[in-house]
Amino acid sequence: MIKDIVVNLGLGEHDPAGEFAVSLAEAFEAHVLGVAFSYEPVIPGTVMGGIPPEFIESQRAEADKVARTAIERFEAAAKRSSLSAESRILSASISAAAEQLGRIGRRFDLVIVGQPERDTGVPAEVIDEGVLFESGRPVIFVPYIFKGAAKLDRVMVCWDGSRAATRAIADSLPLLKKAKQVEIVIVSTGRPKSDEVPGADIGQHLARHGLKVEVKRITSPDIDVPSTLLSYAADSSADFIVMGGYGHSRLREFVLGGATRGILESMTVPVLMSH
C-alpha cells in the first residue's frame, strides 16, 4: 500500500505535481510531505567579485518568497482534503537539491515531481533526473499541462522484459489495483531477446493479482519508441503510464536512455518510472 508520499512542489503559478499528490494521497488515505526549494542564486565564477551583496540577498529573498507561496498553496489544498500533511522549505543549489530530494525520498513509498516547462524548467529537470536515480523509490512525473485530480481508470504498462520494467510493475501494483483496465503494451522493433519474459506471462502474473489485463503488441516505425508509446497512449485514452526508467549516473551527471528521455519531454499524462 501507499501510505507515505513526498512531492516536489512547483514554483510557478500552476502546480500540477502538488495537485496530483494531494488527490493521490486522498485516494490512498496517505500522509504527504510537500517540499519547496528556495534555490541559491547562480553566480558565474567569472563575476563573483563584481556582484553587490545586496543583489545576492534580494535574489535569495525572492526565492524564499516563491517557495513560501508554493507551500501556502499546498497547505491550503491539503487542508481542504483533510489530509495528514506536512510541508518544508529547503534552501539548496540546483545540484544539491536533486541529491537532497533523492535522500528524502528513500523514506517514502512514492516520490512525485513535476515535468519542467520547456522555457523555464532547468532546475526541475535536474531534480527530476536526480531523484529517479538517487531515491531508490518509484517516481511519478506529472506533465506541466496536467490539470485536476489523479485518474487511474485506464493504465498503460510499457513492457520490454527488462529489469527496470519489472521493477516498475512491482512498484506500481497498488496503483494498478485501482485501475478499471490495465493494458500491457509491447513495442516491436526487432526480434525479442532470448531472456525476455513474454508479455503474456507478465499479463498472467498481474491477472493473479486480480487485475483485468490485456496485452497489446505494436510496431514502432523508424524505431521511434517514445513517439509510438505516446501516440498509442493518446489513441487508447490512457490516464496513466508505467515504465522502467533507464540510464546511469557517471561523475554525478545523469544520462537517461532515449525512450526515458523522450517520454519525459513529451508526456501528456502522468508517468510512473522505477530505476
Protein backbone atom coordinates (compact mmCIF):
# COMPACT_ATOMS: atom_id res chain seq x y z
CA MET A 1 0.00 0.00 0.00
CA ILE A 2 0.97 3.62 -0.47
CA LYS A 3 0.91 5.40 2.88
CA ASP A 4 3.73 7.95 2.63
CA ILE A 5 4.21 10.36 -0.30
CA VAL A 6 6.66 13.19 -0.89
CA VAL A 7 6.14 15.78 -3.61
CA ASN A 8 8.47 18.41 -5.02
CA LEU A 9 6.16 21.41 -5.24
CA GLY A 10 6.10 23.50 -8.38
CA LEU A 11 7.20 27.12 -8.05
CA GLY A 12 5.14 28.56 -10.88
CA GLU A 13 1.59 29.89 -10.93
CA HIS A 14 0.24 26.38 -11.52
CA ASP A 15 1.44 23.31 -9.60
CA PRO A 16 0.26 20.08 -11.29
CA ALA A 17 2.53 17.89 -9.15
CA GLY A 18 1.19 19.30 -5.90
CA GLU A 19 -2.43 18.91 -7.01
CA PHE A 20 -1.79 15.36 -8.20
CA ALA A 21 -0.04 14.43 -4.94
CA VAL A 22 -2.88 15.75 -2.79
CA SER A 23 -5.53 13.85 -4.78
CA LEU A 24 -3.48 10.64 -4.78
CA ALA A 25 -2.86 10.88 -1.03
CA GLU A 26 -6.60 11.34 -0.57
CA ALA A 27 -7.33 8.21 -2.64
CA PHE A 28 -4.91 6.10 -0.57
CA GLU A 29 -5.54 7.84 2.77
CA ALA A 30 -1.80 8.52 2.80
CA HIS A 31 0.41 11.09 4.51
CA VAL A 32 2.03 13.60 2.17
CA LEU A 33 5.06 15.86 2.57
CA GLY A 34 5.29 18.91 0.33
CA VAL A 35 8.84 20.17 -0.30
CA ALA A 36 9.58 23.56 -1.85
CA PHE A 37 13.14 24.53 -2.70
CA SER A 38 14.43 28.04 -2.25
CA TYR A 39 17.26 27.93 -4.79
CA GLU A 40 20.56 29.59 -4.09
CA PRO A 41 21.44 32.29 -6.64
CA VAL A 42 23.54 31.01 -9.53
CA ILE A 43 26.56 33.28 -9.83
CA PRO A 44 29.15 32.68 -12.57
CA GLY A 45 32.63 32.37 -11.12
CA THR A 46 33.99 34.99 -13.52
CA VAL A 47 31.80 37.71 -11.99
CA MET A 48 31.79 36.58 -8.36
CA GLY A 49 33.51 39.73 -7.12
CA GLY A 50 31.52 42.05 -9.32
CA ILE A 51 28.02 41.44 -7.92
CA PRO A 52 26.90 43.57 -4.97
CA PRO A 53 25.94 41.59 -1.87
CA GLU A 54 22.60 43.41 -1.85
CA PHE A 55 21.73 41.88 -5.23
CA ILE A 56 22.50 38.38 -4.00
CA GLU A 57 20.39 38.89 -0.90
CA SER A 58 17.48 40.19 -2.97
CA GLN A 59 17.69 37.05 -5.12
CA ARG A 60 17.59 34.87 -2.02
CA ALA A 61 14.64 36.82 -0.65
CA GLU A 62 12.74 36.38 -3.92
CA ALA A 63 13.49 32.62 -3.94
CA ASP A 64 12.21 32.34 -0.35
CA LYS A 65 9.04 34.21 -1.29
CA VAL A 66 8.34 31.92 -4.25
CA ALA A 67 8.92 28.82 -2.11
CA ARG A 68 6.64 30.15 0.64
CA THR A 69 3.87 30.78 -1.90
CA ALA A 70 4.16 27.17 -3.10
CA ILE A 71 3.96 25.91 0.48
CA GLU A 72 0.89 28.02 1.27
CA ARG A 73 -0.87 26.73 -1.84
CA PHE A 74 -0.07 23.12 -0.92
CA GLU A 75 -1.14 23.54 2.69
CA ALA A 76 -4.47 25.05 1.63
CA ALA A 77 -5.15 22.13 -0.74
CA ALA A 78 -4.21 19.56 1.92
CA LYS A 79 -6.46 21.26 4.46
CA ARG A 80 -9.42 21.18 2.06
CA SER A 81 -8.90 17.42 1.65
CA SER A 82 -8.43 16.84 5.42
CA LEU A 83 -5.14 15.07 4.73
CA SER A 84 -2.35 14.14 7.08
CA ALA A 85 0.24 16.52 5.64
CA GLU A 86 3.38 18.46 6.41
CA SER A 87 5.50 20.92 4.45
CA ARG A 88 9.08 22.04 4.36
CA ILE A 89 11.14 24.76 2.68
CA LEU A 90 14.70 23.75 1.86
CA SER A 91 17.50 26.03 0.70
CA ALA A 92 19.95 24.44 -1.73
CA SER A 93 21.75 24.85 -5.01
CA ILE A 94 20.16 23.20 -8.02
CA SER A 95 22.52 20.22 -7.99
CA ALA A 96 22.30 19.80 -4.22
CA ALA A 97 18.50 19.92 -4.37
CA ALA A 98 18.44 16.85 -6.62
CA GLU A 99 20.57 14.85 -4.19
CA GLN A 100 18.68 16.16 -1.17
CA LEU A 101 15.25 15.24 -2.53
CA GLY A 102 16.58 11.83 -3.53
CA ARG A 103 17.73 11.15 0.02
CA ILE A 104 14.42 12.35 1.45
CA GLY A 105 12.54 10.13 -0.98
CA ARG A 106 14.16 6.99 0.42
CA ARG A 107 11.90 7.03 3.46
CA PHE A 108 8.69 7.42 1.45
CA ASP A 109 6.66 4.95 -0.59
CA LEU A 110 6.44 7.26 -3.58
CA VAL A 111 8.02 10.45 -4.93
CA ILE A 112 6.07 12.88 -7.12
CA VAL A 113 7.72 15.58 -9.22
CA GLY A 114 6.52 17.92 -11.94
CA GLN A 115 7.70 17.98 -15.54
CA PRO A 116 9.66 21.20 -16.17
CA GLU A 117 8.14 23.72 -18.51
CA ARG A 118 10.12 23.93 -21.72
CA ASP A 119 11.30 27.52 -21.27
CA THR A 120 11.79 27.77 -17.52
CA GLY A 121 12.36 24.29 -16.17
CA VAL A 122 16.12 23.74 -15.86
CA PRO A 123 16.11 23.32 -12.04
CA ALA A 124 13.13 20.96 -12.13
CA GLU A 125 14.72 18.91 -14.91
CA VAL A 126 17.86 18.36 -12.86
CA ILE A 127 15.80 17.32 -9.84
CA ASP A 128 13.57 15.01 -11.91
CA GLU A 129 16.53 13.03 -13.18
CA GLY A 130 18.37 13.10 -9.87
CA VAL A 131 15.51 11.75 -7.77
CA LEU A 132 14.89 8.90 -10.24
CA PHE A 133 18.42 7.64 -9.71
CA GLU A 134 19.02 8.64 -6.10
CA SER A 135 15.81 7.78 -4.24
CA GLY A 136 15.50 4.05 -4.87
CA ARG A 137 11.74 4.65 -4.97
CA PRO A 138 9.17 4.81 -7.75
CA VAL A 139 8.77 8.33 -9.12
CA ILE A 140 5.65 9.78 -10.72
CA PHE A 141 6.34 12.55 -13.23
CA VAL A 142 3.37 14.87 -13.72
CA PRO A 143 3.14 16.84 -17.02
CA TYR A 144 3.14 20.62 -16.67
CA ILE A 145 -0.05 20.71 -18.80
CA PHE A 146 -1.85 18.31 -16.44
CA LYS A 147 -4.84 19.63 -14.52
CA GLY A 148 -7.13 18.09 -11.97
CA ALA A 149 -7.02 15.05 -9.72
CA ALA A 150 -5.21 11.76 -10.23
CA LYS A 151 -7.10 9.40 -12.53
CA LEU A 152 -6.26 5.70 -12.82
CA ASP A 153 -9.14 4.23 -14.83
CA ARG A 154 -7.01 3.14 -17.82
CA VAL A 155 -3.38 2.36 -17.08
CA MET A 156 -0.85 1.57 -19.80
CA VAL A 157 2.14 -0.56 -18.77
CA CYS A 158 5.16 -0.42 -21.09
CA TRP A 159 6.82 -3.83 -21.15
CA ASP A 160 10.10 -4.89 -22.75
CA GLY A 161 11.08 -7.71 -20.41
CA SER A 162 13.81 -5.65 -18.73
CA ARG A 163 14.75 -5.40 -15.07
CA ALA A 164 13.65 -1.76 -14.90
CA ALA A 165 10.22 -2.53 -16.39
CA THR A 166 9.82 -5.41 -13.93
CA ARG A 167 10.65 -3.11 -11.03
CA ALA A 168 8.17 -0.50 -12.28
CA ILE A 169 5.35 -3.05 -12.46
CA ALA A 170 6.04 -4.29 -8.94
CA ASP A 171 6.25 -0.73 -7.59
CA SER A 172 3.02 0.29 -9.30
CA LEU A 173 0.84 -2.60 -8.07
CA PRO A 174 -1.06 -0.50 -5.50
CA LEU A 175 -1.95 1.92 -8.31
CA LEU A 176 -2.77 -0.82 -10.81
CA LYS A 177 -5.23 -2.36 -8.35
CA LYS A 178 -7.28 0.86 -8.52
CA ALA A 179 -7.45 0.70 -12.33
CA LYS A 180 -10.51 -0.45 -14.26
CA GLN A 181 -8.35 -1.58 -17.15
CA VAL A 182 -4.63 -2.40 -17.40
CA GLU A 183 -3.06 -2.75 -20.83
CA ILE A 184 0.44 -4.16 -21.25
CA VAL A 185 1.98 -2.60 -24.35
CA ILE A 186 4.98 -4.15 -26.10
CA VAL A 187 6.74 -2.18 -28.83
CA SER A 188 8.14 -4.43 -31.53
CA THR A 189 11.38 -3.10 -33.02
CA GLY A 190 13.02 -6.41 -33.93
CA ARG A 191 13.49 -9.94 -32.67
CA PRO A 192 12.77 -10.44 -28.94
CA LYS A 193 15.69 -11.04 -26.58
CA SER A 194 16.38 -14.66 -25.70
CA ASP A 195 15.90 -13.99 -21.97
CA GLU A 196 12.83 -11.77 -22.39
CA VAL A 197 9.75 -12.57 -20.33
CA PRO A 198 6.85 -12.62 -22.83
CA GLY A 199 4.06 -10.12 -22.39
CA ALA A 200 1.52 -12.91 -21.97
CA ASP A 201 3.48 -14.22 -18.98
CA ILE A 202 3.59 -10.87 -17.21
CA GLY A 203 -0.09 -10.48 -18.05
CA GLN A 204 -0.85 -13.76 -16.28
CA HIS A 205 1.19 -12.58 -13.32
CA LEU A 206 -0.89 -9.42 -12.98
CA ALA A 207 -4.13 -11.35 -13.52
CA ARG A 208 -3.23 -13.46 -10.49
CA HIS A 209 -3.27 -10.23 -8.52
CA GLY A 210 -6.90 -9.78 -9.53
CA LEU A 211 -6.26 -7.28 -12.31
CA LYS A 212 -8.13 -7.12 -15.61
CA VAL A 213 -5.29 -7.19 -18.13
CA GLU A 214 -4.94 -7.03 -21.90
CA VAL A 215 -1.68 -7.48 -23.83
CA LYS A 216 -1.05 -5.43 -26.95
CA ARG A 217 1.97 -5.62 -29.29
CA ILE A 218 2.51 -2.58 -31.52
CA THR A 219 5.11 -1.73 -34.16
CA SER A 220 7.38 1.28 -33.88
CA PRO A 221 8.11 3.00 -37.22
CA ASP A 222 11.74 4.06 -37.57
CA ILE A 223 12.38 2.63 -34.08
CA ASP A 224 10.92 5.80 -32.54
CA VAL A 225 9.73 4.11 -29.36
CA PRO A 226 8.78 7.21 -27.31
CA SER A 227 6.56 8.67 -30.03
CA THR A 228 4.97 5.28 -30.65
CA LEU A 229 4.15 4.83 -26.96
CA LEU A 230 2.79 8.35 -26.51
CA SER A 231 0.73 8.10 -29.70
CA TYR A 232 -0.77 4.82 -28.53
CA ALA A 233 -1.46 6.27 -25.09
CA ALA A 234 -3.41 9.10 -26.72
CA ASP A 235 -5.31 6.79 -29.07
CA SER A 236 -6.27 4.44 -26.21
CA SER A 237 -7.20 7.31 -23.83
CA ALA A 238 -4.72 6.12 -21.21
CA ASP A 239 -4.87 8.03 -17.93
CA PHE A 240 -1.52 6.86 -16.57
CA ILE A 241 1.67 5.20 -17.84
CA VAL A 242 4.02 2.79 -16.05
CA MET A 243 7.51 2.11 -17.40
CA GLY A 244 11.10 1.43 -16.42
CA GLY A 245 13.47 4.39 -16.12
CA TYR A 246 16.71 3.77 -17.95
CA GLY A 247 20.12 5.36 -17.69
CA HIS A 248 23.14 5.60 -15.44
CA SER A 249 24.98 8.17 -13.39
CA ARG A 250 28.62 8.99 -14.07
CA LEU A 251 30.57 11.69 -12.25
CA ARG A 252 27.21 12.92 -10.90
CA GLU A 253 25.95 13.68 -14.40
CA PHE A 254 22.71 11.83 -15.10
CA VAL A 255 22.30 10.30 -18.54
CA LEU A 256 18.87 9.00 -19.47
CA GLY A 257 18.16 6.44 -22.15
CA GLY A 258 16.41 7.53 -25.33
CA ALA A 259 12.97 6.13 -24.52
CA THR A 260 13.01 7.57 -21.00
CA ARG A 261 14.12 11.00 -22.16
CA GLY A 262 11.59 11.07 -24.99
CA ILE A 263 8.70 10.20 -22.67
CA LEU A 264 9.68 12.78 -20.04
CA GLU A 265 9.97 15.53 -22.64
CA SER A 266 6.65 14.91 -24.40
CA MET A 267 4.35 13.11 -21.95
CA THR A 268 0.75 14.29 -21.67
CA VAL A 269 -0.36 12.02 -18.80
CA PRO A 270 1.42 11.18 -15.53
CA VAL A 271 4.14 8.54 -15.81
CA LEU A 272 5.47 6.28 -13.07
CA MET A 273 9.09 5.24 -13.54
CA SER A 274 11.35 2.99 -11.49
CA HIS A 275 15.08 2.59 -11.91
